[in-house]
Protein backbone atom coordinates (compact mmCIF):
# COMPACT_ATOMS: atom_id res chain seq x y z
CA MET A 1 125.35 96.75 135.55
CA ASN A 2 127.76 96.85 133.55
CA ASP A 3 128.36 93.45 132.12
CA THR A 4 124.81 93.72 130.30
CA LEU A 5 123.49 95.92 128.07
CA ILE A 6 120.13 97.56 129.69
CA LEU A 7 117.85 99.32 127.24
CA GLY A 8 114.30 101.12 127.63
CA ALA A 9 111.49 101.53 125.28
CA VAL A 10 108.52 102.98 126.54
CA ALA A 11 105.25 100.69 126.41
CA TYR A 12 103.15 102.54 123.53
CA ASP A 13 101.52 99.19 122.58
CA PRO A 14 101.11 95.63 123.74
CA LYS A 15 103.12 94.64 120.59
CA VAL A 16 105.97 96.25 122.06
CA VAL A 17 106.71 93.31 124.61
CA THR A 18 106.88 91.00 121.31
CA ILE A 19 109.44 93.07 119.84
CA TRP A 20 111.65 93.49 122.72
CA ASP A 21 111.40 89.85 123.38
CA GLY A 22 112.22 88.91 119.83
CA PHE A 23 115.21 91.15 119.65
CA LEU A 24 116.18 89.90 123.02
CA GLN A 25 116.74 86.41 122.41
CA TRP A 26 118.66 87.51 118.59
CA PHE A 27 121.09 89.48 120.80
CA ARG A 28 122.30 86.69 123.01
CA ALA A 29 122.50 84.44 120.60
CA HIS A 30 124.80 86.53 119.05
CA GLY A 31 126.59 86.80 122.13
CA LEU A 32 125.64 90.04 123.84
CA PRO A 33 123.70 89.93 127.28
CA PHE A 34 121.20 92.32 126.83
CA ASP A 35 117.47 93.02 128.18
CA TYR A 36 115.58 95.45 128.25
CA VAL A 37 112.74 98.31 131.13
CA LEU A 38 109.79 99.35 129.49
CA PHE A 39 108.18 102.79 130.37
CA HIS A 40 105.14 104.19 130.43
CA ASN A 41 106.36 107.30 129.30
CA TYR A 42 109.29 109.08 127.78
CA GLU A 43 109.50 111.66 130.15
CA ARG A 44 110.06 109.22 132.95
CA GLN A 45 112.52 107.39 130.15
CA VAL A 46 114.85 109.70 129.81
CA GLU A 47 114.99 110.39 133.68
CA GLN A 48 116.04 107.05 134.20
CA HIS A 49 118.20 107.26 131.27
CA PHE A 50 120.45 110.11 133.64
CA ALA A 51 120.02 108.12 136.38
CA GLY A 52 121.72 105.62 135.86
CA ALA A 53 119.14 102.78 134.91
CA ILE A 54 119.14 102.07 131.81
CA HIS A 55 121.95 102.05 128.90
CA VAL A 56 120.18 102.91 125.44
CA ALA A 57 117.14 104.23 125.37
CA TRP A 58 115.35 104.04 121.90
CA ASN A 59 113.21 107.24 121.95
CA SER A 60 111.56 109.55 120.07
CA PRO A 61 112.59 112.08 118.60
CA LEU A 62 111.33 114.77 120.84
CA ALA A 63 112.94 112.59 123.93
CA TRP A 64 116.02 112.95 121.95
CA LEU A 65 115.84 116.53 122.25
CA GLN A 66 114.92 115.81 125.97
CA ALA A 67 118.28 114.08 126.26
CA GLU A 68 120.38 116.12 124.54
CA ARG A 69 118.90 119.79 125.78
CA LEU A 70 119.16 118.10 129.23
CA ALA A 71 123.06 116.72 128.38
CA ARG A 72 124.07 119.68 127.69
CA ALA A 73 122.83 122.09 130.83
CA LYS A 74 124.25 118.86 133.32
CA GLN A 75 127.70 119.19 131.18
CA ARG A 76 127.27 115.56 130.10
CA GLN A 77 127.27 114.31 126.90
CA ALA A 78 124.10 112.37 124.43
CA ARG A 79 124.85 110.34 121.05
CA ALA A 80 122.79 108.87 118.64
CA ILE A 81 124.09 105.85 117.35
CA ALA A 82 121.02 103.99 115.11
CA MET A 83 117.60 105.30 113.30
CA ARG A 84 115.86 102.91 111.20
CA ASP A 85 115.66 103.50 107.56
CA THR A 86 111.98 104.18 108.17
CA ASP A 87 112.95 106.93 110.41
CA GLN A 88 114.49 109.43 108.30
CA ASP A 89 113.49 112.33 105.98
CA LEU A 90 109.71 112.36 106.88
CA THR A 91 107.17 114.59 106.33
CA SER A 92 103.93 115.60 107.75
CA VAL A 93 100.76 117.76 106.05
CA VAL A 94 97.93 119.72 106.46
CA VAL A 95 95.06 118.11 104.93
CA VAL A 96 91.37 119.94 104.13
CA ARG A 97 88.08 118.68 103.14
CA ALA A 98 88.30 118.65 99.18
CA ASP A 99 84.85 119.69 98.83
CA GLY A 100 85.95 122.28 101.56
CA PRO A 101 85.98 126.41 100.79
CA VAL A 102 89.87 126.47 102.17
CA ARG A 103 91.69 126.28 99.41
CA SER A 104 95.15 128.38 101.24
CA VAL A 105 97.08 128.09 103.93
CA ALA A 106 95.96 131.89 104.39
CA ASP A 107 91.94 130.45 104.32
CA LEU A 108 93.36 128.62 107.53
CA ARG A 109 92.72 132.28 109.25
CA GLY A 110 90.25 131.63 111.67
CA LYS A 111 89.45 128.68 111.15
CA ARG A 112 89.75 125.48 113.05
CA VAL A 113 92.41 122.95 113.20
CA GLY A 114 92.97 119.71 114.22
CA VAL A 115 96.37 118.12 116.02
CA GLY A 116 97.21 114.85 117.66
CA ALA A 117 98.36 113.87 121.29
CA ALA A 118 99.99 117.19 122.53
CA ASP A 119 103.53 116.02 122.68
CA SER A 120 103.22 114.77 118.94
CA PRO A 121 105.76 115.74 116.73
CA GLN A 122 104.75 114.77 114.10
CA ALA A 123 100.99 115.54 114.06
CA THR A 124 101.57 118.97 116.45
CA MET A 125 104.84 119.99 116.59
CA ILE A 126 106.13 119.77 113.63
CA PRO A 127 102.85 120.98 111.28
CA LEU A 128 102.50 124.00 113.88
CA GLU A 129 105.73 124.79 113.58
CA HIS A 130 105.37 124.43 109.19
CA LEU A 131 102.38 126.65 110.09
CA ALA A 132 103.66 129.62 111.96
CA ALA A 133 106.55 129.86 109.37
CA LEU A 134 103.97 130.31 107.20
CA GLY A 135 102.54 133.68 108.65
CA LEU A 136 99.88 131.99 111.35
CA GLN A 137 100.24 131.15 114.84
CA ALA A 138 98.52 128.79 116.65
CA GLU A 139 95.52 129.85 118.59
CA LYS A 140 96.18 133.43 117.68
CA ASP A 141 95.24 133.32 113.74
CA PHE A 142 93.56 129.81 114.45
CA ALA A 143 92.10 127.58 117.09
CA VAL A 144 93.13 124.16 117.68
CA ARG A 145 91.70 121.28 118.69
CA ARG A 146 93.78 118.50 120.56
CA PHE A 147 92.96 114.72 120.15
CA ASP A 148 95.60 113.90 123.44
CA VAL A 149 95.73 109.90 122.83
CA LEU A 150 97.67 108.38 125.09
CA VAL A 151 99.99 111.75 126.38
CA GLY A 152 103.20 110.65 127.00
CA LYS A 153 103.59 108.36 124.59
CA HIS A 154 104.99 111.10 121.86
CA GLY A 155 102.66 110.58 119.48
CA ASP A 156 103.65 107.05 119.15
CA HIS A 157 100.14 105.88 118.91
CA VAL A 158 97.90 106.59 116.16
CA GLY A 159 94.90 107.42 117.86
CA GLY A 160 95.15 111.30 118.20
CA GLU A 161 95.57 111.40 114.30
CA ARG A 162 92.68 109.24 113.23
CA ASP A 163 90.87 111.17 115.48
CA ALA A 164 91.65 114.42 114.10
CA ALA A 165 91.36 112.97 110.69
CA LYS A 166 87.55 111.84 111.70
CA ALA A 167 86.93 115.33 113.25
CA LEU A 168 87.37 117.02 110.11
CA LEU A 169 85.41 114.60 108.09
CA ALA A 170 82.28 115.26 110.21
CA GLY A 171 83.11 119.27 110.02
CA GLU A 172 84.60 119.52 113.22
CA VAL A 173 87.52 121.15 112.33
CA ASP A 174 88.33 122.38 109.06
CA ALA A 175 91.92 120.69 108.81
CA ALA A 176 94.25 118.28 110.34
CA CYS A 177 97.77 117.26 110.80
CA MET A 178 99.18 113.92 110.53
CA ILE A 179 102.25 112.16 109.12
CA ASP A 180 102.30 111.83 105.57
CA GLY A 181 102.74 107.88 106.10
CA ASN A 182 99.34 107.77 108.12
CA SER A 183 97.34 109.70 105.47
CA LEU A 184 98.12 107.17 103.44
CA LEU A 185 97.35 104.34 106.04
CA PHE A 186 93.82 106.54 107.23
CA ALA A 187 92.79 106.35 102.67
CA GLN A 188 93.75 102.60 102.98
CA GLU A 189 91.70 101.69 105.59
CA GLY A 190 88.38 103.95 104.66
CA THR A 191 89.35 106.57 107.07
CA LEU A 192 89.54 108.98 104.83
CA PRO A 193 87.93 107.71 101.88
CA ARG A 194 90.05 108.64 98.49
CA GLY A 195 89.30 111.78 97.17
CA SER A 196 87.19 112.96 100.62
CA VAL A 197 91.13 115.43 101.42
CA ARG A 198 93.94 116.99 99.94
CA VAL A 199 96.68 118.24 101.09
CA LEU A 200 97.28 122.26 101.87
CA THR A 201 100.24 121.98 102.63
CA GLN A 202 103.77 119.60 104.05
CA THR A 203 106.25 120.46 106.30
CA LYS A 204 110.19 119.75 105.21
CA PRO A 205 111.89 115.99 106.15
CA TYR A 206 112.59 115.53 109.58
CA ASP A 207 113.71 112.13 111.41
CA HIS A 208 112.26 110.52 113.77
CA CYS A 209 113.06 107.29 117.00
CA ASN A 210 116.95 106.97 117.13
CA PHE A 211 118.98 104.62 119.81
CA THR A 212 120.12 107.20 122.25
CA VAL A 213 123.67 106.91 124.61
CA LEU A 214 124.65 109.00 127.41
CA ASP A 215 128.55 109.41 127.67
CA GLY A 216 129.41 106.49 130.85
CA ALA A 217 127.75 103.37 129.20
CA PRO A 218 129.60 100.88 128.94
CA ALA A 219 131.68 101.21 125.69
CA PRO A 220 132.43 97.73 124.90
CA LEU A 221 128.69 96.58 124.61
CA VAL A 222 127.41 100.05 123.08
CA GLN A 223 129.71 99.23 120.32
CA ARG A 224 128.63 95.67 119.99
CA PHE A 225 124.83 96.74 120.46
CA THR A 226 125.84 98.44 117.26
CA GLU A 227 127.64 96.44 114.97
CA LEU A 228 125.09 93.85 115.91
CA LEU A 229 122.17 96.14 114.50
CA MET A 230 123.95 97.40 111.26
CA GLY A 231 124.54 94.05 110.44
CA MET A 232 120.96 92.82 110.58
CA ARG A 233 120.17 91.92 106.64
CA TYR A 234 116.29 92.26 106.06
CA ASP A 235 117.01 89.07 103.58
CA ASP A 236 118.17 86.68 106.71
CA PRO A 237 114.98 84.83 107.55
CA ALA A 238 115.98 84.86 111.13
CA VAL A 239 116.28 88.84 111.27
CA ARG A 240 112.92 89.72 109.09
CA PRO A 241 110.46 89.00 111.15
CA LEU A 242 112.59 91.22 113.98
CA LEU A 243 112.51 94.04 111.49
CA ASP A 244 108.64 93.57 110.35
CA LEU A 245 107.83 94.02 113.53
CA GLU A 246 109.75 97.18 114.10
CA GLY A 247 108.60 98.69 111.01
CA LEU A 248 112.17 98.94 109.11
CA LYS A 249 114.12 97.52 106.32
CA ALA A 250 117.66 98.37 107.62
CA TRP A 251 119.42 99.88 110.29
CA ARG A 252 121.12 102.94 109.31
CA PRO A 253 124.16 104.87 111.63
CA GLY A 254 122.07 107.70 114.16
CA ARG A 255 122.03 111.49 112.80
CA THR A 256 120.76 114.06 114.53
CA SER A 257 120.38 116.73 111.44
CA GLY A 258 117.28 115.92 111.00
CA TYR A 259 115.92 117.22 114.17
CA ALA A 260 115.76 120.95 113.48
CA LEU A 261 112.24 121.63 112.29
CA LEU A 262 111.59 119.72 116.55
CA GLU A 263 113.83 121.92 118.19
CA GLN A 264 112.70 125.48 115.94
CA ALA A 265 109.03 124.69 116.73
CA CYS A 266 110.41 123.57 120.70
CA ASP A 267 112.07 126.89 120.64
CA ARG A 268 109.28 128.83 119.32
CA PHE A 269 106.62 127.49 121.58
CA GLY A 270 108.77 126.43 124.61
CA TRP A 271 107.50 123.08 124.79
CA LEU A 272 110.95 121.78 126.18
CA GLN A 273 111.66 124.10 129.50
CA PRO A 274 108.63 122.30 131.90
CA PHE A 275 110.91 119.24 131.68
CA LEU A 276 113.90 120.99 131.48
CA ARG A 277 113.01 122.85 135.04
CA GLN A 278 111.61 119.36 136.48
CA MET A 279 114.93 118.19 135.65
CA GLY A 280 116.66 120.44 137.71
CA ALA A 281 118.58 122.19 134.48
C-alpha cells in the first residue's frame, strides 16, 4: 500500500465522490499515485487511520481531536499537515428573534436553545462551551434541543443548523446556534428572513477541517501530496473547479492552535471519553 497515497474522507453528501474523483485525476496527472476511501462517519475513519488502512485523513475538527488524543494515549504522533484558507478563523453565533424577549445572554436562563447535531463542533459543542464560559450551563441554566441530522458527520451537513433556525422562527426554541457563515446563508435563502433575527453573542475564532497524518505514514508520498496542495493556484483553470467544489481559494499549512475552544468544550463536557474508551485508550 505504501506505493500509493491513500486518503480517507467522510461521505456527508453525494458530491464528495465528485470532489475526490477530481482530485484523484489531478494528483495522478502530476505524478502522485493517489487513491481514496470514503467512510460513513468520522469515528470509523479515525479507527481505520490507526489500523493503517489510510495514510491521510480529511478530518473534521472533532475527528482531529479524537485522533490527536488517541495518538497521545498510544504514544504515537498525529500532525495536521494542511487545511483550507476557509477553515481558519471561523466563528459561531447564537441568534434570537429580533422581536423576542431575549435581549442579553443572561435572558437565556430558563429558556430553550436549539443546536445542531450532538457531534457538531460549530453548531453545538463550541456554542455551548461559549455560553458556559459566560456563566450559563447547558441543561442546568437552559434547556437544549438538539437537531440531530446525520450524527457521525460532525456537523458537515447543514441540516441540523437549518432545522434549529426554523424552530427559532416557529417559536419552538428561544435561541439557535450556528456557524456564522450559515447565518448569512440562511438570510440569503430566506430561512431566516433579513431583519427577523439578531446575533445575541458570538464565539471567539476557531479552525475547522485539516488533513491529518500519523507517524509511520510514507514520508515521500506525504511530502509530495503536501507540495502539490500548496502549489494549487485558484487562477489555474484546471485547478479552480476543484477548489470551488471543496470551498476554498488556497491551501494553507496545517495548524492546531485554532482547536483550543473545541478542546475546552470536550474537556468540560467529556465528549471525547466515550470514543477513547471504545478505542482502548
